[in-house]
PDB file of N, CA and C in Angstrom:
ATOM      1  N   UNK A   1     -24.508 -17.464  13.582  1.00  0.00           N
ATOM      2  CA  UNK A   1     -24.148 -17.630  12.664  1.00  0.00           C
ATOM      3  C   UNK A   1     -23.332 -17.142  11.986  1.00  0.00           C
ATOM      4  N   UNK A   2     -21.221 -17.465  11.781  1.00  0.00           N
ATOM      5  CA  UNK A   2     -20.368 -16.896  11.524  1.00  0.00           C
ATOM      6  C   UNK A   2     -20.384 -16.815   9.983  1.00  0.00           C
ATOM      7  N   UNK A   3     -20.862 -15.769   9.156  1.00  0.00           N
ATOM      8  CA  UNK A   3     -20.634 -15.802   7.757  1.00  0.00           C
ATOM      9  C   UNK A   3     -19.012 -15.382   7.288  1.00  0.00           C
ATOM     10  N   UNK A   4     -18.361 -16.105   6.123  1.00  0.00           N
ATOM     11  CA  UNK A   4     -17.523 -15.729   6.259  1.00  0.00           C
ATOM     12  C   UNK A   4     -17.466 -14.531   5.192  1.00  0.00           C
ATOM     13  N   UNK A   5     -16.328 -13.873   5.248  1.00  0.00           N
ATOM     14  CA  UNK A   5     -16.420 -12.629   4.599  1.00  0.00           C
ATOM     15  C   UNK A   5     -15.773 -12.463   3.049  1.00  0.00           C
ATOM     16  N   UNK A   6     -16.199 -11.833   2.439  1.00  0.00           N
ATOM     17  CA  UNK A   6     -15.379 -11.996   1.004  1.00  0.00           C
ATOM     18  C   UNK A   6     -14.149 -11.540   0.823  1.00  0.00           C
ATOM     19  N   UNK A   7     -13.276 -12.072   0.176  1.00  0.00           N
ATOM     20  CA  UNK A   7     -11.544 -11.318  -0.387  1.00  0.00           C
ATOM     21  C   UNK A   7     -12.095 -10.154  -1.179  1.00  0.00           C
ATOM     22  N   UNK A   8     -11.484  -9.337  -1.020  1.00  0.00           N
ATOM     23  CA  UNK A   8     -11.496  -7.910  -2.604  1.00  0.00           C
ATOM     24  C   UNK A   8     -10.314  -7.741  -2.812  1.00  0.00           C
ATOM     25  N   UNK A   9     -10.316  -8.395  -3.944  1.00  0.00           N
ATOM     26  CA  UNK A   9      -8.827  -7.770  -4.039  1.00  0.00           C
ATOM     27  C   UNK A   9      -8.587  -6.519  -4.759  1.00  0.00           C
ATOM     28  N   UNK A  10      -7.494  -5.689  -4.642  1.00  0.00           N
ATOM     29  CA  UNK A  10      -7.718  -4.456  -5.339  1.00  0.00           C
ATOM     30  C   UNK A  10      -6.260  -3.685  -5.844  1.00  0.00           C
ATOM     31  N   UNK A  11      -6.142  -2.795  -6.675  1.00  0.00           N
ATOM     32  CA  UNK A  11      -5.365  -2.300  -6.767  1.00  0.00           C
ATOM     33  C   UNK A  11      -5.337  -0.496  -6.535  1.00  0.00           C
ATOM     34  N   UNK A  12      -4.293  -0.137  -6.612  1.00  0.00           N
ATOM     35  CA  UNK A  12      -4.073   1.653  -5.652  1.00  0.00           C
ATOM     36  C   UNK A  12      -4.532   2.150  -6.981  1.00  0.00           C
ATOM     37  N   UNK A  13      -5.155   3.068  -7.055  1.00  0.00           N
ATOM     38  CA  UNK A  13      -5.460   3.983  -7.963  1.00  0.00           C
ATOM     39  C   UNK A  13      -6.660   3.940  -9.022  1.00  0.00           C
ATOM     40  N   UNK A  14      -7.121   2.045  -8.859  1.00  0.00           N
ATOM     41  CA  UNK A  14      -8.122   1.603  -9.504  1.00  0.00           C
ATOM     42  C   UNK A  14      -9.578   2.163 -10.110  1.00  0.00           C
ATOM     43  N   UNK A  15      -9.844   2.762 -10.764  1.00  0.00           N
ATOM     44  CA  UNK A  15     -11.240   3.198 -10.216  1.00  0.00           C
ATOM     45  C   UNK A  15     -12.320   2.549 -10.731  1.00  0.00           C
ATOM     46  N   UNK A  16     -12.328   1.172 -10.706  1.00  0.00           N
ATOM     47  CA  UNK A  16     -13.140   0.494 -10.962  1.00  0.00           C
ATOM     48  C   UNK A  16     -13.463  -0.542  -9.489  1.00  0.00           C
ATOM     49  N   UNK A  17     -12.533  -0.620  -8.563  1.00  0.00           N
ATOM     50  CA  UNK A  17     -12.316  -0.413  -7.681  1.00  0.00           C
ATOM     51  C   UNK A  17     -12.747  -0.052  -6.627  1.00  0.00           C
ATOM     52  N   UNK A  18     -12.509   1.342  -6.923  1.00  0.00           N
ATOM     53  CA  UNK A  18     -13.313   2.590  -5.970  1.00  0.00           C
ATOM     54  C   UNK A  18     -14.640   2.349  -6.133  1.00  0.00           C
ATOM     55  N   UNK A  19     -14.781   1.791  -7.249  1.00  0.00           N
ATOM     56  CA  UNK A  19     -16.574   1.993  -6.976  1.00  0.00           C
ATOM     57  C   UNK A  19     -17.330   0.538  -6.765  1.00  0.00           C
ATOM     58  N   UNK A  20     -16.592  -0.177  -7.465  1.00  0.00           N
ATOM     59  CA  UNK A  20     -16.981  -1.605  -5.825  1.00  0.00           C
ATOM     60  C   UNK A  20     -16.863  -1.476  -4.502  1.00  0.00           C
ATOM     61  N   UNK A  21     -16.118  -1.133  -4.093  1.00  0.00           N
ATOM     62  CA  UNK A  21     -15.670  -0.388  -2.544  1.00  0.00           C
ATOM     63  C   UNK A  21     -16.931   0.352  -1.999  1.00  0.00           C
ATOM     64  N   UNK A  22     -17.651   1.013  -2.810  1.00  0.00           N
ATOM     65  CA  UNK A  22     -18.877   2.132  -2.832  1.00  0.00           C
ATOM     66  C   UNK A  22     -20.275   1.056  -2.440  1.00  0.00           C
ATOM     67  N   UNK A  23     -19.935   0.239  -3.623  1.00  0.00           N
ATOM     68  CA  UNK A  23     -21.315  -0.936  -3.457  1.00  0.00           C
ATOM     69  C   UNK A  23     -21.426  -1.894  -2.505  1.00  0.00           C
ATOM     70  N   UNK A  24     -20.117  -2.267  -2.643  1.00  0.00           N
ATOM     71  CA  UNK A  24     -20.004  -2.709  -0.786  1.00  0.00           C
ATOM     72  C   UNK A  24     -20.510  -2.298   0.448  1.00  0.00           C
ATOM     73  N   UNK A  25     -19.424  -1.272   0.419  1.00  0.00           N
ATOM     74  CA  UNK A  25     -19.926   0.079   1.654  1.00  0.00           C
ATOM     75  C   UNK A  25     -21.275   0.293   1.974  1.00  0.00           C
ATOM     76  N   UNK A  26     -22.207   0.748   1.054  1.00  0.00           N
ATOM     77  CA  UNK A  26     -23.365   0.774   0.681  1.00  0.00           C
ATOM     78  C   UNK A  26     -24.621   0.144   1.101  1.00  0.00           C
ATOM     79  N   UNK A  27     -23.850  -1.101   0.578  1.00  0.00           N
ATOM     80  CA  UNK A  27     -24.508  -2.296   1.243  1.00  0.00           C
ATOM     81  C   UNK A  27     -24.458  -2.941   2.298  1.00  0.00           C
ATOM     82  N   UNK A  28     -23.651  -2.703   3.146  1.00  0.00           N
ATOM     83  CA  UNK A  28     -23.140  -2.774   4.181  1.00  0.00           C
ATOM     84  C   UNK A  28     -22.682  -4.291   4.353  1.00  0.00           C
ATOM     85  N   UNK A  29     -21.627  -4.336   3.256  1.00  0.00           N
ATOM     86  CA  UNK A  29     -20.858  -5.535   3.205  1.00  0.00           C
ATOM     87  C   UNK A  29     -20.034  -5.650   3.693  1.00  0.00           C
ATOM     88  N   UNK A  30     -19.177  -6.450   4.708  1.00  0.00           N
ATOM     89  CA  UNK A  30     -17.834  -6.798   4.890  1.00  0.00           C
ATOM     90  C   UNK A  30     -17.082  -7.541   4.365  1.00  0.00           C
ATOM     91  N   UNK A  31     -16.040  -7.014   4.129  1.00  0.00           N
ATOM     92  CA  UNK A  31     -15.142  -7.691   3.514  1.00  0.00           C
ATOM     93  C   UNK A  31     -13.456  -7.548   3.627  1.00  0.00           C
ATOM     94  N   UNK A  32     -12.603  -8.763   3.379  1.00  0.00           N
ATOM     95  CA  UNK A  32     -11.037  -8.228   4.064  1.00  0.00           C
ATOM     96  C   UNK A  32     -10.586  -7.957   2.335  1.00  0.00           C
ATOM     97  N   UNK A  33     -10.248  -6.445   2.515  1.00  0.00           N
ATOM     98  CA  UNK A  33      -9.731  -6.352   1.182  1.00  0.00           C
ATOM     99  C   UNK A  33      -7.749  -6.284   1.219  1.00  0.00           C
ATOM    100  N   UNK A  34      -7.733  -6.899  -0.088  1.00  0.00           N
ATOM    101  CA  UNK A  34      -6.284  -7.141  -0.618  1.00  0.00           C
ATOM    102  C   UNK A  34      -5.774  -6.412  -1.131  1.00  0.00           C
ATOM    103  N   UNK A  35      -4.265  -5.412  -0.811  1.00  0.00           N
ATOM    104  CA  UNK A  35      -3.993  -4.375  -2.354  1.00  0.00           C
ATOM    105  C   UNK A  35      -3.015  -5.212  -2.598  1.00  0.00           C
ATOM    106  N   UNK A  36      -3.066  -5.590  -4.062  1.00  0.00           N
ATOM    107  CA  UNK A  36      -1.993  -6.453  -4.928  1.00  0.00           C
ATOM    108  C   UNK A  36      -1.434  -5.371  -5.364  1.00  0.00           C
ATOM    109  N   UNK A  37      -1.592  -4.198  -5.530  1.00  0.00           N
ATOM    110  CA  UNK A  37      -0.294  -3.156  -5.678  1.00  0.00           C
ATOM    111  C   UNK A  37       0.753  -3.305  -5.287  1.00  0.00           C
ATOM    112  N   UNK A  38       1.894  -3.314  -5.885  1.00  0.00           N
ATOM    113  CA  UNK A  38       3.241  -3.765  -5.158  1.00  0.00           C
ATOM    114  C   UNK A  38       3.801  -4.629  -4.453  1.00  0.00           C
ATOM    115  N   UNK A  39       2.372  -5.964  -4.088  1.00  0.00           N
ATOM    116  CA  UNK A  39       2.476  -7.104  -3.679  1.00  0.00           C
ATOM    117  C   UNK A  39       2.619  -8.377  -4.188  1.00  0.00           C
ATOM    118  N   UNK A  40       3.863  -8.658  -4.728  1.00  0.00           N
ATOM    119  CA  UNK A  40       3.945  -9.818  -5.512  1.00  0.00           C
ATOM    120  C   UNK A  40       3.068 -11.389  -5.531  1.00  0.00           C
ATOM    121  N   UNK A  41       3.425 -11.379  -3.853  1.00  0.00           N
ATOM    122  CA  UNK A  41       2.700 -12.674  -3.051  1.00  0.00           C
ATOM    123  C   UNK A  41       1.270 -12.078  -3.703  1.00  0.00           C
ATOM    124  N   UNK A  42       0.567 -11.530  -3.326  1.00  0.00           N
ATOM    125  CA  UNK A  42      -1.389 -11.005  -2.862  1.00  0.00           C
ATOM    126  C   UNK A  42      -1.687 -11.308  -4.816  1.00  0.00           C
ATOM    127  N   UNK A  43      -0.747 -10.547  -5.399  1.00  0.00           N
ATOM    128  CA  UNK A  43      -0.925 -10.305  -6.854  1.00  0.00           C
ATOM    129  C   UNK A  43      -0.853 -11.463  -7.877  1.00  0.00           C
ATOM    130  N   UNK A  44       0.054 -12.836  -7.224  1.00  0.00           N
ATOM    131  CA  UNK A  44      -0.243 -14.066  -7.697  1.00  0.00           C
ATOM    132  C   UNK A  44      -1.282 -14.361  -7.389  1.00  0.00           C
ATOM    133  N   UNK A  45      -1.800 -14.447  -5.895  1.00  0.00           N
ATOM    134  CA  UNK A  45      -2.655 -15.140  -5.613  1.00  0.00           C
ATOM    135  C   UNK A  45      -4.238 -14.589  -5.935  1.00  0.00           C
ATOM    136  N   UNK A  46      -4.353 -13.477  -6.276  1.00  0.00           N
ATOM    137  CA  UNK A  46      -5.270 -12.980  -7.464  1.00  0.00           C
ATOM    138  C   UNK A  46      -5.610 -13.438  -8.803  1.00  0.00           C
ATOM    139  N   UNK A  47      -4.481 -13.419  -9.304  1.00  0.00           N
ATOM    140  CA  UNK A  47      -4.131 -13.853 -10.634  1.00  0.00           C
ATOM    141  C   UNK A  47      -4.773 -15.628 -10.818  1.00  0.00           C
ATOM    142  N   UNK A  48      -4.257 -16.043  -9.655  1.00  0.00           N
ATOM    143  CA  UNK A  48      -4.206 -17.801  -9.324  1.00  0.00           C
ATOM    144  C   UNK A  48      -5.450 -17.832  -9.729  1.00  0.00           C
ATOM    145  N   UNK A  49      -6.386 -17.323  -8.747  1.00  0.00           N
ATOM    146  CA  UNK A  49      -7.992 -17.485  -8.573  1.00  0.00           C
ATOM    147  C   UNK A  49      -8.713 -16.841  -9.893  1.00  0.00           C
ATOM    148  N   UNK A  50      -8.580 -15.323 -10.501  1.00  0.00           N
ATOM    149  CA  UNK A  50      -9.354 -15.020 -11.369  1.00  0.00           C
ATOM    150  C   UNK A  50      -8.632 -15.345 -13.005  1.00  0.00           C
ATOM    151  N   UNK A  51      -7.500 -16.061 -13.427  1.00  0.00           N
ATOM    152  CA  UNK A  51      -6.854 -16.066 -14.499  1.00  0.00           C
ATOM    153  C   UNK A  51      -6.776 -15.261 -15.310  1.00  0.00           C
ATOM    154  N   UNK A  52      -6.486 -13.958 -14.518  1.00  0.00           N
ATOM    155  CA  UNK A  52      -6.196 -12.650 -14.807  1.00  0.00           C
ATOM    156  C   UNK A  52      -5.243 -11.963 -14.437  1.00  0.00           C
ATOM    157  N   UNK A  53      -4.893 -10.583 -14.520  1.00  0.00           N
ATOM    158  CA  UNK A  53      -4.252  -9.978 -13.828  1.00  0.00           C
ATOM    159  C   UNK A  53      -4.410  -8.400 -13.627  1.00  0.00           C
ATOM    160  N   UNK A  54      -5.963  -8.509 -14.559  1.00  0.00           N
ATOM    161  CA  UNK A  54      -7.107  -7.318 -14.009  1.00  0.00           C
ATOM    162  C   UNK A  54      -7.449  -7.073 -12.674  1.00  0.00           C
ATOM    163  N   UNK A  55      -7.922  -5.934 -11.732  1.00  0.00           N
ATOM    164  CA  UNK A  55      -8.755  -6.299 -10.547  1.00  0.00           C
ATOM    165  C   UNK A  55      -9.962  -5.027 -10.816  1.00  0.00           C
ATOM    166  N   UNK A  56     -11.190  -4.962 -10.344  1.00  0.00           N
ATOM    167  CA  UNK A  56     -11.284  -6.024  -9.237  1.00  0.00           C
ATOM    168  C   UNK A  56     -11.063  -7.223  -8.815  1.00  0.00           C
ATOM    169  N   UNK A  57     -10.844  -8.090  -7.546  1.00  0.00           N
ATOM    170  CA  UNK A  57     -11.490  -9.397  -8.130  1.00  0.00           C
ATOM    171  C   UNK A  57     -12.566  -9.656  -6.535  1.00  0.00           C
ATOM    172  N   UNK A  58     -13.272 -10.508  -6.698  1.00  0.00           N
ATOM    173  CA  UNK A  58     -13.928 -10.537  -5.463  1.00  0.00           C
ATOM    174  C   UNK A  58     -14.008 -11.779  -5.899  1.00  0.00           C
ATOM    175  N   UNK A  59     -14.030 -12.253  -3.966  1.00  0.00           N
ATOM    176  CA  UNK A  59     -13.648 -14.126  -3.627  1.00  0.00           C
ATOM    177  C   UNK A  59     -14.711 -14.254  -2.661  1.00  0.00           C
ATOM    178  N   UNK A  60     -15.966 -14.901  -2.935  1.00  0.00           N
ATOM    179  CA  UNK A  60     -17.462 -15.058  -1.624  1.00  0.00           C
ATOM    180  C   UNK A  60     -17.213 -16.050  -2.156  1.00  0.00           C
ATOM    181  N   UNK A  61     -16.467 -17.063  -0.366  1.00  0.00           N
ATOM    182  CA  UNK A  61     -16.372 -17.932  -0.503  1.00  0.00           C
ATOM    183  C   UNK A  61     -16.694 -19.552  -1.769  1.00  0.00           C
ATOM    184  N   UNK A  62     -15.323 -19.211  -2.821  1.00  0.00           N
ATOM    185  CA  UNK A  62     -14.895 -19.263  -3.803  1.00  0.00           C
ATOM    186  C   UNK A  62     -15.364 -18.857  -5.182  1.00  0.00           C
ATOM    187  N   UNK A  63     -16.743 -18.167  -5.177  1.00  0.00           N
ATOM    188  CA  UNK A  63     -17.331 -18.014  -6.276  1.00  0.00           C
ATOM    189  C   UNK A  63     -16.779 -16.674  -6.611  1.00  0.00           C
ATOM    190  N   UNK A  64     -15.969 -16.416  -8.019  1.00  0.00           N
ATOM    191  CA  UNK A  64     -15.248 -15.665  -8.170  1.00  0.00           C
ATOM    192  C   UNK A  64     -15.808 -14.863  -8.990  1.00  0.00           C
ATOM    193  N   UNK A  65     -15.954 -13.778  -8.874  1.00  0.00           N
ATOM    194  CA  UNK A  65     -16.383 -12.313 -10.327  1.00  0.00           C
ATOM    195  C   UNK A  65     -14.944 -11.428 -10.228  1.00  0.00           C
ATOM    196  N   UNK A  66     -14.248 -11.248 -11.336  1.00  0.00           N
ATOM    197  CA  UNK A  66     -12.748 -10.978 -11.729  1.00  0.00           C
ATOM    198  C   UNK A  66     -12.848  -9.218 -12.958  1.00  0.00           C
ATOM    199  N   UNK A  67     -12.362  -8.810 -12.411  1.00  0.00           N
ATOM    200  CA  UNK A  67     -12.446  -7.423 -13.666  1.00  0.00           C
ATOM    201  C   UNK A  67     -14.027  -6.891 -13.723  1.00  0.00           C
ATOM    202  N   UNK A  68     -14.416  -6.039 -12.859  1.00  0.00           N
ATOM    203  CA  UNK A  68     -15.432  -6.140 -13.054  1.00  0.00           C
ATOM    204  C   UNK A  68     -16.162  -4.682 -12.533  1.00  0.00           C
ATOM    205  N   UNK A  69     -17.204  -4.542 -12.234  1.00  0.00           N
ATOM    206  CA  UNK A  69     -17.623  -3.024 -12.138  1.00  0.00           C
ATOM    207  C   UNK A  69     -19.177  -3.023 -11.290  1.00  0.00           C
ATOM    208  N   UNK A  70     -19.985  -2.098 -11.113  1.00  0.00           N
ATOM    209  CA  UNK A  70     -20.768  -1.881 -10.200  1.00  0.00           C
ATOM    210  C   UNK A  70     -22.277  -2.821 -11.149  1.00  0.00           C
ATOM    211  N   UNK A  71     -22.058  -2.229 -12.298  1.00  0.00           N
ATOM    212  CA  UNK A  71     -22.809  -3.154 -13.062  1.00  0.00           C
ATOM    213  C   UNK A  71     -23.227  -4.857 -13.032  1.00  0.00           C
ATOM    214  N   UNK A  72     -21.759  -4.789 -12.741  1.00  0.00           N
ATOM    215  CA  UNK A  72     -21.346  -6.460 -12.994  1.00  0.00           C
ATOM    216  C   UNK A  72     -21.433  -7.276 -11.395  1.00  0.00           C
ATOM    217  N   UNK A  73     -21.403  -6.785  -9.977  1.00  0.00           N
ATOM    218  CA  UNK A  73     -21.677  -6.819  -9.049  1.00  0.00           C
ATOM    219  C   UNK A  73     -23.320  -6.956  -8.187  1.00  0.00           C
ATOM    220  N   UNK A  74     -23.740  -5.498  -8.988  1.00  0.00           N
ATOM    221  CA  UNK A  74     -24.873  -5.983  -8.463  1.00  0.00           C
ATOM    222  C   UNK A  74     -25.372  -7.656  -8.285  1.00  0.00           C
ATOM    223  N   UNK A  75     -25.806  -7.661  -9.625  1.00  0.00           N
ATOM    224  CA  UNK A  75     -26.489  -9.156  -9.921  1.00  0.00           C
ATOM    225  C   UNK A  75     -25.796 -10.286  -8.911  1.00  0.00           C
ATOM    226  N   UNK A  76     -24.173 -10.400  -9.118  1.00  0.00           N
ATOM    227  CA  UNK A  76     -23.680 -11.384  -8.646  1.00  0.00           C
ATOM    228  C   UNK A  76     -23.608 -11.403  -6.840  1.00  0.00           C
ATOM    229  N   UNK A  77     -23.930  -9.938  -6.164  1.00  0.00           N
ATOM    230  CA  UNK A  77     -24.245 -10.284  -4.963  1.00  0.00           C
ATOM    231  C   UNK A  77     -25.884 -10.783  -4.927  1.00  0.00           C
ATOM    232  N   UNK A  78     -26.305 -10.834  -5.289  1.00  0.00           N
ATOM    233  CA  UNK A  78     -28.142 -11.035  -5.556  1.00  0.00           C
ATOM    234  C   UNK A  78     -28.016 -12.222  -5.378  1.00  0.00           C
ATOM    235  N   UNK A  79     -27.099 -13.244  -6.701  1.00  0.00           N
ATOM    236  CA  UNK A  79     -26.460 -14.394  -6.785  1.00  0.00           C
ATOM    237  C   UNK A  79     -25.928 -15.630  -6.103  1.00  0.00           C
ATOM    238  N   UNK A  80     -25.207 -14.501  -4.917  1.00  0.00           N
ATOM    239  CA  UNK A  80     -25.007 -15.250  -3.905  1.00  0.00           C
ATOM    240  C   UNK A  80     -24.795 -15.031  -2.997  1.00  0.00           C
ATOM    241  N   UNK A  81     -26.609 -14.789  -2.543  1.00  0.00           N
ATOM    242  CA  UNK A  81     -27.202 -14.252  -1.464  1.00  0.00           C
ATOM    243  C   UNK A  81     -26.435 -13.184  -0.392  1.00  0.00           C
ATOM    244  N   UNK A  82     -25.992 -11.799  -0.844  1.00  0.00           N
ATOM    245  CA  UNK A  82     -25.304 -11.161  -0.267  1.00  0.00           C
ATOM    246  C   UNK A  82     -25.865 -10.423   1.179  1.00  0.00           C
ATOM    247  N   UNK A  83     -26.993 -10.731   0.409  1.00  0.00           N
ATOM    248  CA  UNK A  83     -28.410  -9.950   2.133  1.00  0.00           C
ATOM    249  C   UNK A  83     -29.388 -10.741   2.866  1.00  0.00           C
TER     250      UNK A  83
END
């Protein structure tokens, strides 16, 4: 069975992005990271998905979690059945 990898939008130097990356890596969740810093096209894509300009943003097959930290990520992962 093929699993679609979530898209993880981040900004360079973002402490919340680093924290979220640590959680995803610790849980062995593969993802495609898109760094929006300095990339207007990716930044616009992130903003269109989330309705805001803050990172991180996680797109899990259309389920969007935006501007979050580990406290919001863990229950989100449980809700989307990440494991």
